[in-house]
Amino acid sequence: MNHIRRMRGLAVSFGVLLLLAGCGAKKTEEPEASAQQQFETEMNENLIAVGFSQVGAESDWRAANTESIQSALTPENGFYLIYEDAQQKQENQFKAIRNFILQEVDYIVLSPIVENGWDTVLQEAKDAGIPVILVDRKAQVPEDLYTCWIGADFESEGRRAGEWLEQYLEDQGREDEEINIVTLQGTLDSSAQLGRTKGFGEVLAEHDNWKMLEMRDADFTQAKGQEVMESLLQKYDDIDVVVSENDNMAFGAVDAIQEAGGSCGPDGDITILSFDAVSAAFDAMMAGEINASFECNPLHGPKLQEIIGTLESGGTVDKIQYMEETYFDTDMDLEELRKSRAY
């Protein structure tokens, strides 16, 4: 990659920022000089410039994902990372990508909020000669607009949850009972929402006695999860299973159920299945509040570092790269398992 091009673009951008900072304000010579010196030192190291547009900070999983990437793409590892939090707004990601192009970064890393609407801006990145690597969520664009995608097999996660519920009900002798289910969906049209809904739905379709009462968008947040669950509890008095498409919404659902005087988890009236398997989900399982959490590995940083290293050396990479994943439930030694977890 052309690091001279990248360095020139970043240096110009930094110079503009310093100029604007000095307009209409009292000069602070020492901090500006220090920042400039630090920047020049980093540039002299000929670092690989990466612009990273993250969805936001809506969940524990997202925080772990961000931390993993930031920890891998460090100056010590040969990278200059520019991080932008989109705050759940696609228009913010469009702006970030166009700024990365102006700054002439070497690579753009994008976690798309939704799957559609990316053709124009990713074509701009391609025209600028900047490879785009998608992480976590996918984008419905021609394959030549991105180099590769790293993430989870969301459909497999959904099927795994359905198969777990199938076995759980059989173990309880309830395989022939009518089972009423509600789903707290993540951000609609996001890859995780689409895949998990589809995967679980495939198993649901195999059971005539499983009834999906309602699927509601809870935006992957705990607050929205609680709000939506409160509404569902008021509407239905016979919910057997809650499928929550991430852990944070499940935590909100637990709060809503308990505040309504209900019970959930292995010893409760409502079975709760969740996704992500973050640290707090282990707490909730050990507390008997949720039954199982299906892993979505957020530690993309090392794989992303490896991919960029391969590209830098002129190698090729697989278009689709899945993370290794499993599931956890209350029949396991969760306290021991948690000791080896990085998130």
Protein backbone atom coordinates (compact mmCIF):
# COMPACT_ATOMS: atom_id res chain seq x y z
CA MET A 1 0.00 0.00 0.00
CA ASN A 2 1.06 3.58 -0.61
CA HIS A 3 2.01 4.79 2.86
CA ILE A 4 3.45 8.04 1.49
CA ARG A 5 0.00 8.83 0.11
CA ARG A 6 -1.61 8.02 3.44
CA MET A 7 0.89 10.05 5.44
CA ARG A 8 0.41 13.10 3.24
CA GLY A 9 -3.36 12.95 3.54
CA LEU A 10 -3.34 12.52 7.30
CA ALA A 11 -0.75 15.24 7.76
CA VAL A 12 -2.87 17.70 5.75
CA SER A 13 -5.97 16.80 7.76
CA PHE A 14 -4.12 17.23 11.03
CA GLY A 15 -2.73 20.57 9.90
CA VAL A 16 -6.23 21.81 9.06
CA LEU A 17 -7.48 20.75 12.48
CA LEU A 18 -4.66 22.65 14.19
CA LEU A 19 -5.38 25.74 12.10
CA LEU A 20 -9.08 25.66 12.96
CA ALA A 21 -8.32 25.09 16.61
CA GLY A 22 -6.25 28.28 16.64
CA CYS A 23 -8.98 30.51 15.13
CA GLY A 24 -10.79 32.74 17.60
CA ALA A 25 -9.21 31.13 20.64
CA LYS A 26 -6.32 31.89 22.90
CA LYS A 27 -3.23 30.07 21.74
CA THR A 28 -1.98 27.17 23.83
CA GLU A 29 1.44 26.68 22.32
CA GLU A 30 2.61 23.82 24.50
CA PRO A 31 -0.33 21.35 23.95
CA GLU A 32 -0.42 22.03 20.18
CA ALA A 33 3.31 21.54 19.83
CA SER A 34 3.13 18.35 21.86
CA ALA A 35 0.28 16.95 19.76
CA GLN A 36 2.08 17.85 16.53
CA GLN A 37 5.28 16.25 17.76
CA GLN A 38 3.44 13.05 18.73
CA PHE A 39 1.71 12.93 15.36
CA GLU A 40 4.93 13.40 13.42
CA THR A 41 6.58 10.66 15.47
CA GLU A 42 3.81 8.24 14.59
CA MET A 43 3.94 9.20 10.92
CA ASN A 44 7.70 8.71 10.78
CA GLU A 45 7.18 5.14 11.88
CA ASN A 46 5.40 4.52 8.58
CA LEU A 47 2.31 3.06 10.22
CA ILE A 48 -0.56 1.47 8.32
CA ALA A 49 -3.50 3.89 8.55
CA VAL A 50 -6.87 2.26 9.23
CA GLY A 51 -10.21 4.05 9.47
CA PHE A 52 -12.73 2.13 11.60
CA SER A 53 -16.44 3.00 11.55
CA GLN A 54 -18.16 1.19 14.42
CA VAL A 55 -21.92 0.80 14.84
CA GLY A 56 -21.95 2.40 18.27
CA ALA A 57 -21.78 1.30 21.89
CA GLU A 58 -25.22 -0.22 22.31
CA SER A 59 -24.19 -3.39 24.15
CA ASP A 60 -21.51 -5.18 26.14
CA TRP A 61 -20.72 -7.20 23.02
CA ARG A 62 -20.09 -4.05 20.99
CA ALA A 63 -17.78 -2.66 23.67
CA ALA A 64 -15.75 -5.90 23.64
CA ASN A 65 -15.60 -5.83 19.83
CA THR A 66 -14.33 -2.24 19.80
CA GLU A 67 -11.75 -2.93 22.50
CA SER A 68 -10.46 -6.00 20.64
CA ILE A 69 -9.89 -4.05 17.43
CA GLN A 70 -8.36 -1.07 19.19
CA SER A 71 -6.02 -3.37 21.12
CA ALA A 72 -4.85 -5.11 17.94
CA LEU A 73 -4.42 -2.11 15.63
CA THR A 74 -1.95 -0.19 17.76
CA PRO A 75 1.20 1.77 16.85
CA GLU A 76 3.20 -0.99 18.55
CA ASN A 77 1.71 -3.43 16.03
CA GLY A 78 2.34 -1.07 13.11
CA PHE A 79 -1.02 0.68 12.83
CA TYR A 80 -2.45 4.18 13.07
CA LEU A 81 -6.15 3.67 13.90
CA ILE A 82 -8.79 6.35 13.36
CA TYR A 83 -11.93 5.32 15.28
CA GLU A 84 -15.42 6.71 14.61
CA ASP A 85 -18.51 5.81 16.67
CA ALA A 86 -21.59 6.05 14.40
CA GLN A 87 -24.04 6.18 17.32
CA GLN A 88 -26.43 3.82 15.51
CA LYS A 89 -26.88 6.17 12.54
CA GLN A 90 -26.04 5.06 9.01
CA GLU A 91 -25.58 8.65 7.85
CA ASN A 92 -22.76 8.98 10.39
CA GLN A 93 -21.06 5.99 8.81
CA PHE A 94 -21.37 7.53 5.35
CA LYS A 95 -19.70 10.66 6.68
CA ALA A 96 -16.95 8.69 8.43
CA ILE A 97 -16.11 6.66 5.33
CA ARG A 98 -15.92 9.77 3.17
CA ASN A 99 -13.63 11.39 5.74
CA PHE A 100 -11.42 8.30 5.70
CA ILE A 101 -11.21 8.60 1.92
CA LEU A 102 -10.23 12.27 2.20
CA GLN A 103 -7.58 11.33 4.75
CA GLU A 104 -6.27 8.70 2.31
CA VAL A 105 -6.15 5.87 4.81
CA ASP A 106 -4.73 2.51 3.73
CA TYR A 107 -7.74 0.45 4.82
CA ILE A 108 -11.33 1.07 5.85
CA VAL A 109 -12.92 -1.22 8.43
CA LEU A 110 -16.71 -1.02 8.55
CA SER A 111 -19.30 -2.62 10.81
CA PRO A 112 -22.49 -1.71 8.90
CA ILE A 113 -25.50 -0.71 10.98
CA VAL A 114 -27.87 -2.18 8.39
CA GLU A 115 -27.20 -4.31 5.31
CA ASN A 116 -28.57 -2.03 2.59
CA GLY A 117 -27.63 1.37 1.18
CA TRP A 118 -23.85 1.01 0.89
CA ASP A 119 -23.27 0.80 -2.88
CA THR A 120 -22.44 4.46 -3.49
CA VAL A 121 -20.07 5.11 -0.60
CA LEU A 122 -18.22 1.81 -0.97
CA GLN A 123 -17.84 2.49 -4.69
CA GLU A 124 -16.20 5.77 -3.69
CA ALA A 125 -13.75 3.85 -1.50
CA LYS A 126 -13.01 1.45 -4.35
CA ASP A 127 -12.44 4.34 -6.77
CA ALA A 128 -9.96 5.78 -4.25
CA GLY A 129 -8.11 2.47 -4.17
CA ILE A 130 -8.84 1.78 -0.50
CA PRO A 131 -9.69 -1.82 0.48
CA VAL A 132 -12.78 -2.19 2.69
CA ILE A 133 -12.99 -4.92 5.31
CA LEU A 134 -16.43 -5.61 6.79
CA VAL A 135 -16.62 -6.81 10.39
CA ASP A 136 -19.54 -8.32 12.32
CA ARG A 137 -22.41 -7.19 10.08
CA LYS A 138 -22.71 -7.62 6.34
CA ALA A 139 -23.54 -5.21 3.51
CA GLN A 140 -25.66 -6.15 0.52
CA VAL A 141 -23.31 -4.87 -2.18
CA PRO A 142 -21.42 -6.38 -5.14
CA GLU A 143 -18.53 -8.49 -3.86
CA ASP A 144 -15.93 -6.35 -5.62
CA LEU A 145 -16.76 -3.43 -3.29
CA TYR A 146 -15.20 -5.11 -0.25
CA THR A 147 -12.14 -7.26 0.32
CA CYS A 148 -13.55 -9.65 2.92
CA TRP A 149 -15.97 -10.01 5.81
CA ILE A 150 -15.19 -11.23 9.34
CA GLY A 151 -17.95 -12.30 11.68
CA ALA A 152 -20.38 -14.85 13.03
CA ASP A 153 -22.61 -17.31 11.24
CA PHE A 154 -25.78 -15.70 12.58
CA GLU A 155 -28.11 -18.23 10.97
CA SER A 156 -26.22 -21.08 12.64
CA GLU A 157 -26.52 -19.26 15.97
CA GLY A 158 -30.30 -19.03 15.50
CA ARG A 159 -30.61 -22.69 14.53
CA ARG A 160 -28.43 -23.69 17.49
CA ALA A 161 -30.81 -21.84 19.82
CA GLY A 162 -33.83 -23.56 18.27
CA GLU A 163 -32.19 -26.97 18.55
CA TRP A 164 -31.26 -26.27 22.18
CA LEU A 165 -34.89 -25.39 22.97
CA GLU A 166 -36.03 -28.55 21.19
CA GLN A 167 -33.80 -30.72 23.42
CA TYR A 168 -34.64 -28.73 26.57
CA LEU A 169 -38.39 -29.22 26.12
CA GLU A 170 -37.88 -32.91 25.38
CA ASP A 171 -35.84 -33.33 28.57
CA GLN A 172 -38.71 -31.71 30.49
CA GLY A 173 -41.30 -33.95 28.86
CA ARG A 174 -42.94 -30.93 27.23
CA GLU A 175 -42.15 -31.70 23.59
CA ASP A 176 -45.87 -32.09 22.74
CA GLU A 177 -47.14 -29.08 24.69
CA GLU A 178 -48.15 -25.85 23.00
CA ILE A 179 -45.19 -23.51 23.49
CA ASN A 180 -45.84 -19.76 23.23
CA ILE A 181 -42.79 -17.75 22.18
CA VAL A 182 -41.94 -14.07 21.81
CA THR A 183 -38.80 -12.68 20.20
CA LEU A 184 -36.96 -9.50 21.10
CA GLN A 185 -35.30 -8.65 17.80
CA GLY A 186 -32.17 -6.61 17.34
CA THR A 187 -31.88 -3.58 15.07
CA LEU A 188 -34.08 -4.46 12.11
CA ASP A 189 -32.27 -5.28 8.86
CA SER A 190 -28.94 -5.75 10.64
CA SER A 191 -27.08 -8.96 9.83
CA ALA A 192 -27.39 -10.34 13.36
CA GLN A 193 -31.15 -9.72 13.45
CA LEU A 194 -31.78 -11.19 10.02
CA GLY A 195 -29.61 -14.26 10.57
CA ARG A 196 -30.76 -15.13 14.08
CA THR A 197 -34.42 -14.62 13.17
CA LYS A 198 -34.07 -16.82 10.10
CA GLY A 199 -32.07 -19.56 11.83
CA PHE A 200 -34.45 -19.89 14.79
CA GLY A 201 -37.40 -19.65 12.40
CA GLU A 202 -36.19 -22.72 10.51
CA VAL A 203 -36.42 -24.83 13.67
CA LEU A 204 -39.69 -23.16 14.69
CA ALA A 205 -41.24 -24.25 11.38
CA GLU A 206 -40.53 -27.89 12.25
CA HIS A 207 -42.79 -27.75 15.33
CA ASP A 208 -46.51 -27.23 14.84
CA ASN A 209 -46.95 -26.83 18.60
CA TRP A 210 -44.51 -23.89 18.81
CA LYS A 211 -46.41 -20.63 18.39
CA MET A 212 -44.57 -17.36 17.77
CA LEU A 213 -46.88 -14.86 19.45
CA GLU A 214 -44.95 -11.79 18.33
CA MET A 215 -41.54 -10.53 17.24
CA ARG A 216 -40.68 -6.98 18.28
CA ASP A 217 -37.70 -4.70 17.56
CA ALA A 218 -35.83 -3.86 20.77
CA ASP A 219 -32.76 -2.35 19.05
CA PHE A 220 -30.15 -4.49 20.88
CA THR A 221 -30.37 -2.28 24.03
CA GLN A 222 -31.26 -3.19 27.59
CA ALA A 223 -33.61 -0.23 28.06
CA LYS A 224 -35.55 -1.05 24.91
CA GLY A 225 -35.56 -4.73 25.80
CA GLN A 226 -37.23 -3.94 29.12
CA GLU A 227 -39.72 -1.57 27.50
CA VAL A 228 -40.75 -4.08 24.83
CA MET A 229 -40.96 -6.96 27.32
CA GLU A 230 -43.20 -4.90 29.59
CA SER A 231 -45.53 -4.35 26.65
CA LEU A 232 -45.54 -8.04 25.71
CA LEU A 233 -46.32 -9.10 29.28
CA GLN A 234 -49.31 -6.78 29.31
CA LYS A 235 -50.52 -8.20 26.00
CA TYR A 236 -49.95 -11.93 26.65
CA ASP A 237 -50.42 -13.83 29.89
CA ASP A 238 -49.09 -17.17 28.67
CA ILE A 239 -45.53 -16.60 27.43
CA ASP A 240 -43.39 -19.73 27.76
CA VAL A 241 -40.18 -18.68 25.99
CA VAL A 242 -38.40 -15.41 25.27
CA VAL A 243 -35.86 -15.43 22.46
CA SER A 244 -33.67 -12.36 22.89
CA GLU A 245 -31.36 -11.64 19.97
CA ASN A 246 -28.68 -10.31 22.30
CA ASP A 247 -27.77 -10.45 25.98
CA ASN A 248 -28.51 -6.83 26.80
CA MET A 249 -32.13 -7.09 25.65
CA ALA A 250 -32.40 -10.28 27.72
CA PHE A 251 -31.25 -8.40 30.83
CA GLY A 252 -34.01 -5.86 30.18
CA ALA A 253 -36.52 -8.67 29.71
CA VAL A 254 -35.51 -10.21 33.05
CA ASP A 255 -36.04 -6.87 34.79
CA ALA A 256 -39.49 -6.52 33.21
CA ILE A 257 -40.55 -10.06 34.15
CA GLN A 258 -39.37 -9.74 37.74
CA GLU A 259 -40.92 -6.31 38.20
CA ALA A 260 -44.22 -7.74 36.94
CA GLY A 261 -44.02 -10.43 39.63
CA GLY A 262 -43.09 -13.21 37.23
CA SER A 263 -40.21 -15.67 37.25
CA CYS A 264 -37.76 -16.78 34.59
CA GLY A 265 -34.75 -19.01 34.07
CA PRO A 266 -34.36 -22.73 34.83
CA ASP A 267 -36.59 -22.59 37.93
CA GLY A 268 -39.03 -20.01 36.58
CA ASP A 269 -42.10 -19.94 34.37
CA ILE A 270 -40.42 -18.31 31.37
CA THR A 271 -37.43 -19.78 29.55
CA ILE A 272 -35.02 -17.15 28.26
CA LEU A 273 -32.61 -17.75 25.39
CA SER A 274 -30.07 -15.09 24.53
CA PHE A 275 -27.18 -14.43 22.16
CA ASP A 276 -23.60 -13.12 22.51
CA ALA A 277 -22.47 -14.84 25.75
CA VAL A 278 -20.81 -11.77 27.23
CA SER A 279 -19.50 -11.82 30.80
CA ALA A 280 -22.72 -10.41 32.27
CA ALA A 281 -24.68 -13.23 30.63
CA PHE A 282 -22.66 -15.69 32.72
CA ASP A 283 -23.71 -13.71 35.81
CA ALA A 284 -27.34 -13.91 34.73
CA MET A 285 -27.14 -17.66 34.10
CA MET A 286 -25.40 -18.29 37.43
CA ALA A 287 -28.14 -16.21 39.10
CA GLY A 288 -30.77 -18.44 37.47
CA GLU A 289 -32.25 -15.60 35.41
CA ILE A 290 -31.62 -16.83 31.86
CA ASN A 291 -31.30 -20.40 30.61
CA ALA A 292 -28.74 -20.26 27.81
CA SER A 293 -26.64 -17.82 25.80
CA PHE A 294 -25.35 -18.58 22.32
CA GLU A 295 -21.91 -17.22 21.66
CA CYS A 296 -21.13 -14.51 19.15
CA ASN A 297 -17.36 -14.04 19.36
CA PRO A 298 -16.52 -10.29 19.33
CA LEU A 299 -12.74 -10.67 19.38
CA HIS A 300 -12.17 -9.68 15.75
CA GLY A 301 -9.00 -7.69 16.37
CA PRO A 302 -6.35 -10.42 15.98
CA LYS A 303 -8.00 -11.82 12.84
CA LEU A 304 -8.29 -8.31 11.38
CA GLN A 305 -4.61 -7.69 12.11
CA GLU A 306 -3.71 -10.98 10.44
CA ILE A 307 -5.78 -10.19 7.34
CA ILE A 308 -4.22 -6.75 6.86
CA GLY A 309 -0.77 -8.26 7.33
CA THR A 310 -1.48 -10.80 4.60
CA LEU A 311 -2.73 -8.09 2.23
CA GLU A 312 0.30 -5.92 2.99
CA SER A 313 2.59 -8.76 1.96
CA GLY A 314 0.74 -9.18 -1.32
CA GLY A 315 -1.25 -12.24 -0.30
CA THR A 316 -4.92 -13.04 -0.77
CA VAL A 317 -7.56 -13.75 1.88
CA ASP A 318 -10.82 -15.71 1.98
CA LYS A 319 -13.88 -13.59 1.23
CA ILE A 320 -15.86 -14.97 4.20
CA GLN A 321 -14.16 -15.63 7.54
CA TYR A 322 -16.24 -17.00 10.42
CA MET A 323 -15.27 -16.76 14.07
CA GLU A 324 -15.28 -19.92 16.22
CA GLU A 325 -18.34 -20.05 18.52
CA THR A 326 -20.28 -22.29 20.93
CA TYR A 327 -23.04 -21.94 23.53
CA PHE A 328 -23.41 -22.00 27.31
CA ASP A 329 -26.28 -23.01 29.58
CA THR A 330 -27.06 -23.49 33.25
CA ASP A 331 -26.14 -27.19 33.22
CA MET A 332 -22.49 -26.27 32.66
CA ASP A 333 -19.79 -25.27 35.16
CA LEU A 334 -20.22 -21.61 34.28
CA GLU A 335 -17.94 -20.27 36.99
CA GLU A 336 -15.03 -22.35 35.70
CA LEU A 337 -15.79 -21.60 32.05
CA ARG A 338 -15.91 -17.90 32.74
CA LYS A 339 -12.32 -17.88 34.00
CA SER A 340 -11.02 -18.49 30.50
CA ARG A 341 -13.26 -15.88 28.85
CA ALA A 342 -11.78 -12.68 27.44
CA TYR A 343 -15.11 -10.81 27.37
